[in-house]
Amino acid sequence: MTLEALLLRAVLVAGGYLAGSIPVGVLVARASGGPDPRTIGSGRTGGTNALRALGRKWAAVVVAGDLAKGAVPVLLTRLVTGGDSTAEVLVAAAAVAGSVRSIFLGFRGGRGVGTGVGTMLVIQPLAVVLAAPVFFLVIVATRYVSLGSLLGSAAMFPAMLLIWAIASGWVAPAYLVWAAVGPVLIWVAHADNIDRLLHGTERKFDLGLLGGRRSGGA
């Protein structure tokens, strides 16, 4: 690989981190005149806390933005590099890192779930389709969004293995690595949730929020 190609990939990775760092939840709160999601609930900036702070409509905007933070940098990398799967995975990891540790928020942010899913929508959307039921069913059954996120992200790897077993040409080795490593980044970002789940103190999701009602606090 030439020096020019290495520099290009370094720029793409840096761009992926900056894209992931965009504090969509905070920006949407300011644009809508709603409370900063960092001031309530979990104090994070992702879709679930945006739902608590801003309601259903604006939370949907936050989720779409978080998905785009992962999808756009990876898609751009695919177009610029001609489909270099390793470069795509590095950019995907950088985007998730930026989402969790945003340079614009003092290296705080969300849990990286939406951004991680966004990367997979480009890398292998069928894996998202296969893993999504785990995410939703766990939340419905337990009312723990964190547990749904943990198990849903973990389901990405077996989903990718299944796709690889059926049609290995659809899954580059680097994509299998990302399906294994990406969930690890998300689990690390959920360390406090995991501790609360183990001690029975985790917050349960208020299904009433789906009807458009905002949360009154933590």
N, C-alpha and C. Protein backbone atom coordinates (compact mmCIF):
# COMPACT_ATOMS: atom_id res chain seq x y z
N MET A 1 0.85 -1.20 0.00
CA MET A 1 0.00 0.00 0.00
C MET A 1 0.88 1.24 0.00
N THR A 2 0.56 2.19 -0.84
CA THR A 2 1.36 3.40 -0.96
C THR A 2 1.13 4.34 0.23
N LEU A 3 2.06 5.28 0.37
CA LEU A 3 1.93 6.28 1.44
C LEU A 3 0.66 7.10 1.24
N GLU A 4 0.35 7.41 0.00
CA GLU A 4 -0.86 8.18 -0.29
C GLU A 4 -2.11 7.42 0.15
N ALA A 5 -2.13 6.12 -0.10
CA ALA A 5 -3.28 5.31 0.30
C ALA A 5 -3.40 5.24 1.82
N LEU A 6 -2.26 5.13 2.50
CA LEU A 6 -2.27 5.09 3.97
C LEU A 6 -2.79 6.41 4.54
N LEU A 7 -2.33 7.52 3.96
CA LEU A 7 -2.78 8.83 4.43
C LEU A 7 -4.28 9.00 4.19
N LEU A 8 -4.75 8.53 3.06
CA LEU A 8 -6.19 8.61 2.76
C LEU A 8 -6.99 7.86 3.81
N ARG A 9 -6.55 6.67 4.16
CA ARG A 9 -7.27 5.87 5.15
C ARG A 9 -7.19 6.50 6.53
N ALA A 10 -6.07 7.13 6.84
CA ALA A 10 -5.94 7.82 8.13
C ALA A 10 -6.92 8.99 8.20
N VAL A 11 -7.05 9.71 7.09
CA VAL A 11 -8.01 10.82 7.04
C VAL A 11 -9.44 10.31 7.20
N LEU A 12 -9.74 9.19 6.55
CA LEU A 12 -11.08 8.61 6.64
C LEU A 12 -11.39 8.17 8.07
N VAL A 13 -10.41 7.58 8.75
CA VAL A 13 -10.62 7.15 10.14
C VAL A 13 -10.85 8.36 11.03
N ALA A 14 -10.04 9.41 10.84
CA ALA A 14 -10.23 10.63 11.63
C ALA A 14 -11.60 11.24 11.34
N GLY A 15 -12.00 11.21 10.08
CA GLY A 15 -13.32 11.72 9.73
C GLY A 15 -14.43 10.90 10.35
N GLY A 16 -14.22 9.58 10.42
CA GLY A 16 -15.20 8.71 11.06
C GLY A 16 -15.37 9.05 12.53
N TYR A 17 -14.25 9.31 13.20
CA TYR A 17 -14.33 9.68 14.61
C TYR A 17 -15.06 11.00 14.80
N LEU A 18 -14.75 11.98 13.97
CA LEU A 18 -15.40 13.29 14.08
C LEU A 18 -16.89 13.18 13.78
N ALA A 19 -17.24 12.37 12.77
CA ALA A 19 -18.66 12.17 12.46
C ALA A 19 -19.38 11.52 13.62
N GLY A 20 -18.75 10.49 14.21
CA GLY A 20 -19.36 9.83 15.35
C GLY A 20 -19.48 10.75 16.56
N SER A 21 -18.59 11.73 16.64
CA SER A 21 -18.59 12.65 17.78
C SER A 21 -19.69 13.70 17.72
N ILE A 22 -20.32 13.87 16.56
CA ILE A 22 -21.36 14.89 16.45
C ILE A 22 -22.45 14.61 17.49
N PRO A 23 -22.69 15.55 18.41
CA PRO A 23 -23.65 15.30 19.51
C PRO A 23 -25.09 15.53 19.06
N VAL A 24 -25.61 14.59 18.28
CA VAL A 24 -26.92 14.76 17.68
C VAL A 24 -27.99 15.04 18.74
N GLY A 25 -27.97 14.29 19.83
CA GLY A 25 -28.99 14.48 20.86
C GLY A 25 -28.98 15.88 21.44
N VAL A 26 -27.80 16.43 21.66
CA VAL A 26 -27.68 17.77 22.22
C VAL A 26 -28.12 18.81 21.19
N LEU A 27 -27.73 18.62 19.94
CA LEU A 27 -28.09 19.57 18.89
C LEU A 27 -29.60 19.59 18.65
N VAL A 28 -30.21 18.41 18.65
CA VAL A 28 -31.66 18.34 18.46
C VAL A 28 -32.38 18.98 19.63
N ALA A 29 -31.87 18.77 20.84
CA ALA A 29 -32.48 19.41 22.02
C ALA A 29 -32.44 20.92 21.89
N ARG A 30 -31.32 21.46 21.45
CA ARG A 30 -31.21 22.91 21.30
C ARG A 30 -32.14 23.41 20.20
N ALA A 31 -32.20 22.68 19.09
CA ALA A 31 -33.04 23.12 17.97
C ALA A 31 -34.52 23.07 18.31
N SER A 32 -34.91 22.09 19.14
CA SER A 32 -36.32 21.92 19.49
C SER A 32 -36.73 22.72 20.71
N GLY A 33 -35.75 23.29 21.41
CA GLY A 33 -36.05 24.03 22.63
C GLY A 33 -36.32 23.13 23.82
N GLY A 34 -35.97 21.86 23.71
CA GLY A 34 -36.19 20.91 24.80
C GLY A 34 -35.01 20.84 25.73
N PRO A 35 -35.14 20.09 26.83
CA PRO A 35 -34.05 19.96 27.79
C PRO A 35 -32.89 19.15 27.22
N ASP A 36 -31.71 19.50 27.63
CA ASP A 36 -30.51 18.76 27.24
C ASP A 36 -30.64 17.34 27.79
N PRO A 37 -30.52 16.30 26.96
CA PRO A 37 -30.68 14.92 27.46
C PRO A 37 -29.65 14.54 28.50
N ARG A 38 -28.56 15.28 28.58
CA ARG A 38 -27.55 14.96 29.58
C ARG A 38 -27.99 15.34 30.99
N THR A 39 -29.09 16.08 31.10
CA THR A 39 -29.53 16.56 32.42
C THR A 39 -30.56 15.64 33.06
N ILE A 40 -31.01 14.60 32.35
CA ILE A 40 -32.01 13.70 32.93
C ILE A 40 -31.64 12.25 32.66
N GLY A 41 -32.40 11.36 33.26
CA GLY A 41 -32.24 9.92 33.00
C GLY A 41 -30.81 9.45 33.19
N SER A 42 -30.30 8.78 32.17
CA SER A 42 -28.95 8.22 32.24
C SER A 42 -27.87 9.27 32.03
N GLY A 43 -28.25 10.47 31.56
CA GLY A 43 -27.27 11.50 31.28
C GLY A 43 -26.56 11.31 29.96
N ARG A 44 -27.00 10.32 29.19
CA ARG A 44 -26.39 10.07 27.89
C ARG A 44 -27.16 10.81 26.80
N THR A 45 -26.63 10.75 25.57
CA THR A 45 -27.17 11.58 24.49
C THR A 45 -27.90 10.78 23.42
N GLY A 46 -28.07 9.48 23.62
CA GLY A 46 -28.66 8.63 22.60
C GLY A 46 -30.18 8.67 22.55
N GLY A 47 -30.74 7.79 21.73
CA GLY A 47 -32.16 7.80 21.46
C GLY A 47 -33.06 7.59 22.66
N THR A 48 -32.69 6.67 23.54
CA THR A 48 -33.53 6.38 24.70
C THR A 48 -33.64 7.59 25.62
N ASN A 49 -32.52 8.22 25.90
CA ASN A 49 -32.56 9.40 26.76
C ASN A 49 -33.21 10.58 26.06
N ALA A 50 -33.03 10.66 24.74
CA ALA A 50 -33.72 11.70 23.98
C ALA A 50 -35.23 11.51 24.05
N LEU A 51 -35.67 10.24 24.08
CA LEU A 51 -37.09 9.96 24.22
C LEU A 51 -37.59 10.46 25.58
N ARG A 52 -36.81 10.26 26.61
CA ARG A 52 -37.19 10.74 27.94
C ARG A 52 -37.27 12.28 27.96
N ALA A 53 -36.29 12.90 27.32
CA ALA A 53 -36.16 14.36 27.43
C ALA A 53 -37.03 15.12 26.43
N LEU A 54 -37.15 14.58 25.22
CA LEU A 54 -37.72 15.36 24.12
C LEU A 54 -39.01 14.82 23.55
N GLY A 55 -39.33 13.57 23.88
CA GLY A 55 -40.53 12.98 23.32
C GLY A 55 -40.25 12.18 22.06
N ARG A 56 -41.28 11.53 21.57
CA ARG A 56 -41.14 10.55 20.50
C ARG A 56 -40.64 11.16 19.19
N LYS A 57 -41.21 12.30 18.77
CA LYS A 57 -40.86 12.88 17.48
C LYS A 57 -39.39 13.25 17.40
N TRP A 58 -38.91 13.98 18.40
CA TRP A 58 -37.53 14.42 18.35
C TRP A 58 -36.56 13.28 18.62
N ALA A 59 -36.98 12.30 19.41
CA ALA A 59 -36.13 11.13 19.63
C ALA A 59 -35.90 10.39 18.32
N ALA A 60 -36.93 10.34 17.46
CA ALA A 60 -36.77 9.69 16.16
C ALA A 60 -35.73 10.40 15.32
N VAL A 61 -35.67 11.73 15.43
CA VAL A 61 -34.65 12.50 14.71
C VAL A 61 -33.27 12.16 15.25
N VAL A 62 -33.16 12.03 16.57
CA VAL A 62 -31.87 11.68 17.19
C VAL A 62 -31.43 10.30 16.72
N VAL A 63 -32.33 9.34 16.72
CA VAL A 63 -31.99 7.98 16.28
C VAL A 63 -31.51 8.00 14.83
N ALA A 64 -32.23 8.72 13.97
CA ALA A 64 -31.83 8.81 12.56
C ALA A 64 -30.45 9.43 12.43
N GLY A 65 -30.19 10.46 13.22
CA GLY A 65 -28.87 11.09 13.18
C GLY A 65 -27.77 10.17 13.66
N ASP A 66 -28.04 9.41 14.72
CA ASP A 66 -27.05 8.47 15.23
C ASP A 66 -26.76 7.36 14.22
N LEU A 67 -27.80 6.88 13.54
CA LEU A 67 -27.59 5.88 12.50
C LEU A 67 -26.72 6.44 11.38
N ALA A 68 -27.02 7.69 10.99
CA ALA A 68 -26.26 8.32 9.91
C ALA A 68 -24.80 8.52 10.29
N LYS A 69 -24.52 8.80 11.58
CA LYS A 69 -23.14 8.99 12.02
C LYS A 69 -22.30 7.76 11.76
N GLY A 70 -22.92 6.59 11.79
CA GLY A 70 -22.18 5.37 11.49
C GLY A 70 -22.22 5.00 10.02
N ALA A 71 -23.38 5.17 9.40
CA ALA A 71 -23.55 4.72 8.01
C ALA A 71 -22.78 5.57 7.01
N VAL A 72 -22.86 6.88 7.16
CA VAL A 72 -22.28 7.78 6.14
C VAL A 72 -20.75 7.65 6.06
N PRO A 73 -20.01 7.66 7.18
CA PRO A 73 -18.56 7.51 7.05
C PRO A 73 -18.14 6.17 6.44
N VAL A 74 -18.84 5.10 6.79
CA VAL A 74 -18.50 3.79 6.24
C VAL A 74 -18.82 3.74 4.75
N LEU A 75 -19.97 4.29 4.36
CA LEU A 75 -20.35 4.31 2.95
C LEU A 75 -19.36 5.16 2.15
N LEU A 76 -18.97 6.30 2.70
CA LEU A 76 -17.99 7.16 2.03
C LEU A 76 -16.67 6.41 1.86
N THR A 77 -16.26 5.69 2.88
CA THR A 77 -15.02 4.92 2.80
C THR A 77 -15.11 3.86 1.72
N ARG A 78 -16.24 3.21 1.62
CA ARG A 78 -16.43 2.19 0.57
C ARG A 78 -16.30 2.81 -0.81
N LEU A 79 -16.88 3.96 -0.99
CA LEU A 79 -16.84 4.61 -2.30
C LEU A 79 -15.44 5.11 -2.63
N VAL A 80 -14.76 5.69 -1.65
CA VAL A 80 -13.45 6.29 -1.89
C VAL A 80 -12.36 5.22 -2.09
N THR A 81 -12.44 4.13 -1.33
CA THR A 81 -11.40 3.10 -1.38
C THR A 81 -11.72 1.98 -2.35
N GLY A 82 -12.90 2.01 -2.94
CA GLY A 82 -13.26 0.95 -3.85
C GLY A 82 -13.64 -0.34 -3.15
N GLY A 83 -14.05 -0.24 -1.89
CA GLY A 83 -14.51 -1.42 -1.17
C GLY A 83 -13.45 -2.09 -0.32
N ASP A 84 -12.58 -1.31 0.28
CA ASP A 84 -11.56 -1.85 1.20
C ASP A 84 -12.24 -2.17 2.52
N SER A 85 -12.51 -3.45 2.78
CA SER A 85 -13.28 -3.84 3.97
C SER A 85 -12.55 -3.50 5.26
N THR A 86 -11.23 -3.62 5.26
CA THR A 86 -10.47 -3.28 6.47
C THR A 86 -10.60 -1.80 6.79
N ALA A 87 -10.51 -0.97 5.77
CA ALA A 87 -10.67 0.48 5.99
C ALA A 87 -12.08 0.79 6.50
N GLU A 88 -13.08 0.12 5.94
CA GLU A 88 -14.46 0.34 6.39
C GLU A 88 -14.62 0.00 7.87
N VAL A 89 -14.01 -1.09 8.29
CA VAL A 89 -14.12 -1.52 9.69
C VAL A 89 -13.41 -0.55 10.61
N LEU A 90 -12.24 -0.07 10.21
CA LEU A 90 -11.52 0.90 11.03
C LEU A 90 -12.32 2.19 11.18
N VAL A 91 -12.93 2.63 10.10
CA VAL A 91 -13.76 3.83 10.16
C VAL A 91 -14.99 3.58 11.02
N ALA A 92 -15.58 2.39 10.91
CA ALA A 92 -16.73 2.03 11.75
C ALA A 92 -16.37 2.09 13.22
N ALA A 93 -15.22 1.53 13.57
CA ALA A 93 -14.78 1.55 14.97
C ALA A 93 -14.54 2.97 15.44
N ALA A 94 -13.97 3.80 14.59
CA ALA A 94 -13.72 5.19 14.96
C ALA A 94 -15.03 5.94 15.18
N ALA A 95 -16.03 5.67 14.33
CA ALA A 95 -17.32 6.34 14.48
C ALA A 95 -17.99 5.96 15.80
N VAL A 96 -17.94 4.69 16.17
CA VAL A 96 -18.53 4.26 17.44
C VAL A 96 -17.76 4.86 18.61
N ALA A 97 -16.43 4.89 18.50
CA ALA A 97 -15.63 5.51 19.55
C ALA A 97 -16.00 6.97 19.72
N GLY A 98 -16.21 7.67 18.60
CA GLY A 98 -16.61 9.08 18.69
C GLY A 98 -17.97 9.25 19.31
N SER A 99 -18.88 8.34 19.01
CA SER A 99 -20.22 8.42 19.58
C SER A 99 -20.19 8.26 21.10
N VAL A 100 -19.33 7.37 21.57
CA VAL A 100 -19.22 7.11 23.01
C VAL A 100 -18.38 8.17 23.71
N ARG A 101 -17.29 8.58 23.05
CA ARG A 101 -16.35 9.55 23.63
C ARG A 101 -16.21 10.73 22.67
N SER A 102 -17.21 11.58 22.67
CA SER A 102 -17.25 12.69 21.72
C SER A 102 -16.25 13.78 22.09
N ILE A 103 -15.46 14.19 21.12
CA ILE A 103 -14.51 15.28 21.35
C ILE A 103 -15.23 16.59 21.61
N PHE A 104 -16.49 16.68 21.18
CA PHE A 104 -17.27 17.91 21.36
C PHE A 104 -17.99 17.96 22.71
N LEU A 105 -17.97 16.85 23.46
CA LEU A 105 -18.66 16.81 24.75
C LEU A 105 -17.72 16.42 25.88
N GLY A 106 -16.46 16.79 25.74
CA GLY A 106 -15.51 16.46 26.79
C GLY A 106 -15.29 14.97 26.92
N PHE A 107 -15.34 14.26 25.79
CA PHE A 107 -15.14 12.82 25.69
C PHE A 107 -16.19 12.03 26.48
N ARG A 108 -17.42 12.57 26.45
CA ARG A 108 -18.59 11.84 26.91
C ARG A 108 -19.55 11.73 25.73
N GLY A 109 -20.64 11.01 25.89
CA GLY A 109 -21.57 10.89 24.77
C GLY A 109 -22.65 9.86 25.03
N GLY A 110 -22.89 9.00 24.06
CA GLY A 110 -23.92 7.98 24.19
C GLY A 110 -23.32 6.62 24.45
N ARG A 111 -24.06 5.58 24.07
CA ARG A 111 -23.58 4.21 24.26
C ARG A 111 -23.04 3.61 22.97
N GLY A 112 -23.22 4.31 21.85
CA GLY A 112 -22.69 3.83 20.58
C GLY A 112 -23.57 2.85 19.85
N VAL A 113 -24.77 2.57 20.38
CA VAL A 113 -25.63 1.54 19.77
C VAL A 113 -26.14 1.99 18.40
N GLY A 114 -26.75 3.18 18.35
CA GLY A 114 -27.29 3.66 17.08
C GLY A 114 -26.21 3.80 16.02
N THR A 115 -25.07 4.35 16.40
CA THR A 115 -23.98 4.52 15.45
C THR A 115 -23.44 3.17 15.00
N GLY A 116 -23.33 2.22 15.93
CA GLY A 116 -22.88 0.88 15.57
C GLY A 116 -23.82 0.20 14.60
N VAL A 117 -25.13 0.35 14.84
CA VAL A 117 -26.11 -0.22 13.91
C VAL A 117 -25.99 0.45 12.55
N GLY A 118 -25.74 1.76 12.55
CA GLY A 118 -25.56 2.47 11.28
C GLY A 118 -24.41 1.91 10.47
N THR A 119 -23.31 1.57 11.12
CA THR A 119 -22.18 0.99 10.40
C THR A 119 -22.57 -0.36 9.80
N MET A 120 -23.34 -1.14 10.55
CA MET A 120 -23.73 -2.46 10.06
C MET A 120 -24.76 -2.38 8.94
N LEU A 121 -25.54 -1.30 8.90
CA LEU A 121 -26.49 -1.14 7.81
C LEU A 121 -25.79 -1.03 6.46
N VAL A 122 -24.55 -0.55 6.48
CA VAL A 122 -23.75 -0.49 5.25
C VAL A 122 -22.95 -1.78 5.07
N ILE A 123 -22.33 -2.24 6.15
CA ILE A 123 -21.45 -3.41 6.07
C ILE A 123 -22.22 -4.68 5.73
N GLN A 124 -23.32 -4.94 6.44
CA GLN A 124 -24.15 -6.10 6.16
C GLN A 124 -25.54 -5.90 6.76
N PRO A 125 -26.44 -5.27 6.01
CA PRO A 125 -27.77 -4.96 6.55
C PRO A 125 -28.57 -6.19 6.95
N LEU A 126 -28.32 -7.33 6.31
CA LEU A 126 -29.07 -8.54 6.67
C LEU A 126 -28.77 -8.95 8.11
N ALA A 127 -27.56 -8.71 8.58
CA ALA A 127 -27.21 -9.03 9.96
C ALA A 127 -28.05 -8.19 10.93
N VAL A 128 -28.31 -6.93 10.56
CA VAL A 128 -29.16 -6.07 11.39
C VAL A 128 -30.57 -6.62 11.43
N VAL A 129 -31.07 -7.06 10.29
CA VAL A 129 -32.42 -7.63 10.22
C VAL A 129 -32.52 -8.87 11.11
N LEU A 130 -31.49 -9.70 11.11
CA LEU A 130 -31.52 -10.93 11.91
C LEU A 130 -31.37 -10.65 13.41
N ALA A 131 -30.60 -9.62 13.76
CA ALA A 131 -30.35 -9.33 15.18
C ALA A 131 -31.42 -8.45 15.80
N ALA A 132 -32.12 -7.66 14.99
CA ALA A 132 -33.10 -6.71 15.52
C ALA A 132 -34.18 -7.35 16.39
N PRO A 133 -34.72 -8.52 16.02
CA PRO A 133 -35.75 -9.11 16.89
C PRO A 133 -35.26 -9.38 18.31
N VAL A 134 -33.98 -9.70 18.45
CA VAL A 134 -33.44 -9.93 19.79
C VAL A 134 -33.53 -8.64 20.61
N PHE A 135 -33.12 -7.54 19.99
CA PHE A 135 -33.16 -6.24 20.66
C PHE A 135 -34.58 -5.90 21.12
N PHE A 136 -35.54 -5.98 20.21
CA PHE A 136 -36.90 -5.56 20.54
C PHE A 136 -37.59 -6.53 21.50
N LEU A 137 -37.41 -7.82 21.29
CA LEU A 137 -38.09 -8.80 22.16
C LEU A 137 -37.57 -8.74 23.59
N VAL A 138 -36.27 -8.54 23.76
CA VAL A 138 -35.71 -8.43 25.11
C VAL A 138 -36.27 -7.20 25.82
N ILE A 139 -36.36 -6.09 25.10
CA ILE A 139 -36.90 -4.87 25.72
C ILE A 139 -38.37 -5.06 26.11
N VAL A 140 -39.15 -5.65 25.21
CA VAL A 140 -40.57 -5.88 25.51
C VAL A 140 -40.73 -6.82 26.69
N ALA A 141 -39.90 -7.85 26.74
CA ALA A 141 -40.03 -8.87 27.79
C ALA A 141 -39.53 -8.37 29.14
N THR A 142 -38.48 -7.54 29.15
CA THR A 142 -37.85 -7.15 30.42
C THR A 142 -37.99 -5.67 30.75
N ARG A 143 -38.27 -4.85 29.72
CA ARG A 143 -38.32 -3.39 29.83
C ARG A 143 -36.95 -2.80 30.17
N TYR A 144 -35.89 -3.54 29.87
CA TYR A 144 -34.53 -3.02 30.03
C TYR A 144 -33.97 -2.73 28.64
N VAL A 145 -33.85 -1.45 28.28
CA VAL A 145 -33.27 -1.09 26.99
C VAL A 145 -31.80 -1.51 26.95
N SER A 146 -31.12 -1.35 28.07
CA SER A 146 -29.70 -1.70 28.11
C SER A 146 -29.50 -3.18 27.82
N LEU A 147 -30.33 -4.04 28.40
CA LEU A 147 -30.20 -5.47 28.16
C LEU A 147 -30.52 -5.81 26.71
N GLY A 148 -31.53 -5.14 26.15
CA GLY A 148 -31.83 -5.33 24.74
C GLY A 148 -30.66 -4.93 23.86
N SER A 149 -30.01 -3.81 24.21
CA SER A 149 -28.86 -3.34 23.44
C SER A 149 -27.69 -4.31 23.56
N LEU A 150 -27.46 -4.81 24.76
CA LEU A 150 -26.36 -5.74 24.97
C LEU A 150 -26.56 -7.04 24.20
N LEU A 151 -27.74 -7.62 24.32
CA LEU A 151 -27.99 -8.91 23.66
C LEU A 151 -28.20 -8.73 22.16
N GLY A 152 -28.82 -7.61 21.77
CA GLY A 152 -29.00 -7.34 20.34
C GLY A 152 -27.67 -7.16 19.64
N SER A 153 -26.74 -6.41 20.26
CA SER A 153 -25.42 -6.23 19.66
C SER A 153 -24.65 -7.55 19.63
N ALA A 154 -24.78 -8.34 20.69
CA ALA A 154 -24.10 -9.64 20.72
C ALA A 154 -24.62 -10.57 19.64
N ALA A 155 -25.88 -10.39 19.25
CA ALA A 155 -26.48 -11.24 18.22
C ALA A 155 -25.93 -10.96 16.83
N MET A 156 -25.24 -9.84 16.66
CA MET A 156 -24.69 -9.50 15.34
C MET A 156 -23.67 -10.55 14.87
N PHE A 157 -22.84 -11.02 15.78
CA PHE A 157 -21.79 -11.96 15.36
C PHE A 157 -22.37 -13.29 14.88
N PRO A 158 -23.23 -13.95 15.66
CA PRO A 158 -23.83 -15.18 15.11
C PRO A 158 -24.63 -14.94 13.84
N ALA A 159 -25.24 -13.75 13.73
CA ALA A 159 -25.96 -13.43 12.50
C ALA A 159 -25.00 -13.38 11.32
N MET A 160 -23.84 -12.76 11.52
CA MET A 160 -22.84 -12.70 10.46
C MET A 160 -22.28 -14.08 10.15
N LEU A 161 -22.08 -14.90 11.16
CA LEU A 161 -21.61 -16.26 10.93
C LEU A 161 -22.61 -17.06 10.10
N LEU A 162 -23.90 -16.85 10.39
CA LEU A 162 -24.94 -17.54 9.63
C LEU A 162 -24.90 -17.10 8.16
N ILE A 163 -24.77 -15.80 7.94
CA ILE A 163 -24.69 -15.29 6.57
C ILE A 163 -23.46 -15.83 5.87
N TRP A 164 -22.35 -15.87 6.59
CA TRP A 164 -21.10 -16.40 6.02
C TRP A 164 -21.24 -17.87 5.67
N ALA A 165 -21.90 -18.63 6.54
CA ALA A 165 -22.07 -20.07 6.28
C ALA A 165 -22.95 -20.31 5.05
N ILE A 166 -23.94 -19.46 4.87
CA ILE A 166 -24.86 -19.64 3.75
C ILE A 166 -24.26 -19.11 2.45
N ALA A 167 -23.62 -17.94 2.54
CA ALA A 167 -23.06 -17.30 1.34
C ALA A 167 -21.81 -16.55 1.75
N SER A 168 -20.69 -17.27 1.84
CA SER A 168 -19.47 -16.68 2.37
C SER A 168 -18.97 -15.50 1.54
N GLY A 169 -19.34 -15.44 0.27
CA GLY A 169 -18.91 -14.33 -0.57
C GLY A 169 -19.47 -13.00 -0.12
N TRP A 170 -20.50 -13.02 0.72
CA TRP A 170 -21.12 -11.77 1.19
C TRP A 170 -20.41 -11.19 2.40
N VAL A 171 -19.52 -11.94 3.00
CA VAL A 171 -18.92 -11.51 4.27
C VAL A 171 -17.40 -11.56 4.18
N ALA A 172 -16.77 -10.41 4.11
CA ALA A 172 -15.31 -10.34 4.14
C ALA A 172 -14.82 -10.65 5.55
N PRO A 173 -13.63 -11.22 5.69
CA PRO A 173 -13.11 -11.53 7.03
C PRO A 173 -13.11 -10.32 7.96
N ALA A 174 -12.80 -9.14 7.43
CA ALA A 174 -12.78 -7.93 8.28
C ALA A 174 -14.17 -7.65 8.84
N TYR A 175 -15.21 -7.97 8.08
CA TYR A 175 -16.57 -7.74 8.56
C TYR A 175 -16.91 -8.68 9.72
N LEU A 176 -16.41 -9.91 9.64
CA LEU A 176 -16.61 -10.83 10.76
C LEU A 176 -15.92 -10.31 12.02
N VAL A 177 -14.73 -9.76 11.84
CA VAL A 177 -14.01 -9.19 12.98
C VAL A 177 -14.81 -8.05 13.60
N TRP A 178 -15.37 -7.18 12.74
CA TRP A 178 -16.14 -6.05 13.26
C TRP A 178 -17.40 -6.53 13.97
N ALA A 179 -18.03 -7.57 13.46
CA ALA A 179 -19.23 -8.10 14.11
C ALA A 179 -18.91 -8.65 15.49
N ALA A 180 -17.65 -9.02 15.72
CA ALA A 180 -17.24 -9.51 17.04
C ALA A 180 -16.73 -8.38 17.92
N VAL A 181 -15.97 -7.45 17.35
CA VAL A 181 -15.34 -6.38 18.13
C VAL A 181 -16.32 -5.24 18.41
N GLY A 182 -17.17 -4.92 17.44
CA GLY A 182 -18.13 -3.82 17.63
C GLY A 182 -18.97 -3.99 18.88
N PRO A 183 -19.58 -5.17 19.09
CA PRO A 183 -20.34 -5.37 20.32
C PRO A 183 -19.52 -5.22 21.60
N VAL A 184 -18.23 -5.56 21.53
CA VAL A 184 -17.38 -5.38 22.70
C VAL A 184 -17.29 -3.91 23.08
N LEU A 185 -17.14 -3.03 22.07
CA LEU A 185 -17.10 -1.59 22.33
C LEU A 185 -18.40 -1.13 22.98
N ILE A 186 -19.51 -1.66 22.50
CA ILE A 186 -20.81 -1.28 23.05
C ILE A 186 -20.98 -1.81 24.46
N TRP A 187 -20.52 -3.02 24.72
CA TRP A 187 -20.61 -3.57 26.07
C TRP A 187 -19.76 -2.76 27.05
N VAL A 188 -18.57 -2.34 26.60
CA VAL A 188 -17.72 -1.52 27.47
C VAL A 188 -18.42 -0.20 27.80
N ALA A 189 -19.09 0.37 26.81
CA ALA A 189 -19.83 1.62 27.03
C ALA A 189 -21.01 1.43 27.97
N HIS A 190 -21.46 0.19 28.11
CA HIS A 190 -22.58 -0.13 29.00
C HIS A 190 -22.12 -0.67 30.36
N ALA A 191 -20.87 -0.41 30.72
CA ALA A 191 -20.33 -0.99 31.96
C ALA A 191 -21.18 -0.65 33.18
N ASP A 192 -21.64 0.61 33.27
CA ASP A 192 -22.45 0.99 34.43
C ASP A 192 -23.82 0.31 34.38
N ASN A 193 -24.37 0.15 33.18
CA ASN A 193 -25.65 -0.55 33.05
C ASN A 193 -25.52 -2.01 33.47
N ILE A 194 -24.42 -2.63 33.06
CA ILE A 194 -24.19 -4.04 33.41
C ILE A 194 -24.11 -4.19 34.92
N ASP A 195 -23.42 -3.25 35.57
CA ASP A 195 -23.32 -3.30 37.03
C ASP A 195 -24.70 -3.18 37.67
N ARG A 196 -25.53 -2.26 37.15
CA ARG A 196 -26.88 -2.11 37.72
C ARG A 196 -27.76 -3.32 37.43
N LEU A 197 -27.60 -3.90 36.25
CA LEU A 197 -28.37 -5.11 35.94
C LEU A 197 -28.01 -6.24 36.90
N LEU A 198 -26.74 -6.38 37.19
CA LEU A 198 -26.29 -7.44 38.10
C LEU A 198 -26.79 -7.22 39.52
N HIS A 199 -26.98 -5.95 39.89
CA HIS A 199 -27.41 -5.62 41.26
C HIS A 199 -28.90 -5.31 41.35
N GLY A 200 -29.61 -5.48 40.23
CA GLY A 200 -31.06 -5.27 40.24
C GLY A 200 -31.49 -3.83 40.40
N THR A 201 -30.63 -2.89 40.00
CA THR A 201 -30.97 -1.47 40.18
C THR A 201 -31.08 -0.72 38.84
N GLU A 202 -31.07 -1.45 37.75
CA GLU A 202 -31.15 -0.80 36.44
C GLU A 202 -32.53 -0.18 36.22
N ARG A 203 -32.55 0.96 35.50
CA ARG A 203 -33.82 1.62 35.18
C ARG A 203 -34.60 0.79 34.18
N LYS A 204 -35.90 0.69 34.38
CA LYS A 204 -36.75 0.03 33.40
C LYS A 204 -37.33 1.06 32.45
N PHE A 205 -37.54 0.63 31.22
CA PHE A 205 -38.08 1.53 30.19
C PHE A 205 -39.57 1.75 30.43
N ASP A 206 -39.96 3.01 30.40
CA ASP A 206 -41.36 3.38 30.58
C ASP A 206 -42.06 3.31 29.23
N LEU A 207 -42.90 2.30 29.04
CA LEU A 207 -43.59 2.12 27.76
C LEU A 207 -44.50 3.30 27.42
N GLY A 208 -44.89 4.07 28.43
CA GLY A 208 -45.72 5.23 28.18
C GLY A 208 -45.03 6.27 27.34
N LEU A 209 -43.69 6.25 27.30
CA LEU A 209 -42.95 7.20 26.49
C LEU A 209 -43.22 7.01 25.01
N LEU A 210 -43.58 5.80 24.62
CA LEU A 210 -43.85 5.53 23.21
C LEU A 210 -45.15 6.20 22.76
N GLY A 211 -45.96 6.58 23.73
CA GLY A 211 -47.19 7.28 23.40
C GLY A 211 -46.99 8.78 23.27
N GLY A 212 -45.75 9.23 23.43
CA GLY A 212 -45.45 10.63 23.24
C GLY A 212 -45.24 11.39 24.53
N ARG A 213 -45.46 10.76 25.67
CA ARG A 213 -45.28 11.43 26.96
C ARG A 213 -43.80 11.51 27.30
N ARG A 214 -43.39 12.62 27.87
CA ARG A 214 -42.00 12.79 28.28
C ARG A 214 -41.82 12.32 29.72
N SER A 215 -40.58 11.93 30.04
CA SER A 215 -40.27 11.52 31.40
C SER A 215 -40.10 12.74 32.28
N GLY A 216 -40.45 12.58 33.52
CA GLY A 216 -40.30 13.69 34.45
C GLY A 216 -38.97 13.71 35.14
N GLY A 217 -38.11 12.72 34.91
CA GLY A 217 -36.82 12.70 35.58
C GLY A 217 -36.10 11.41 35.34
N ALA A 218 -35.23 11.00 36.31
CA ALA A 218 -34.39 9.83 36.13
C ALA A 218 -35.18 8.55 36.21
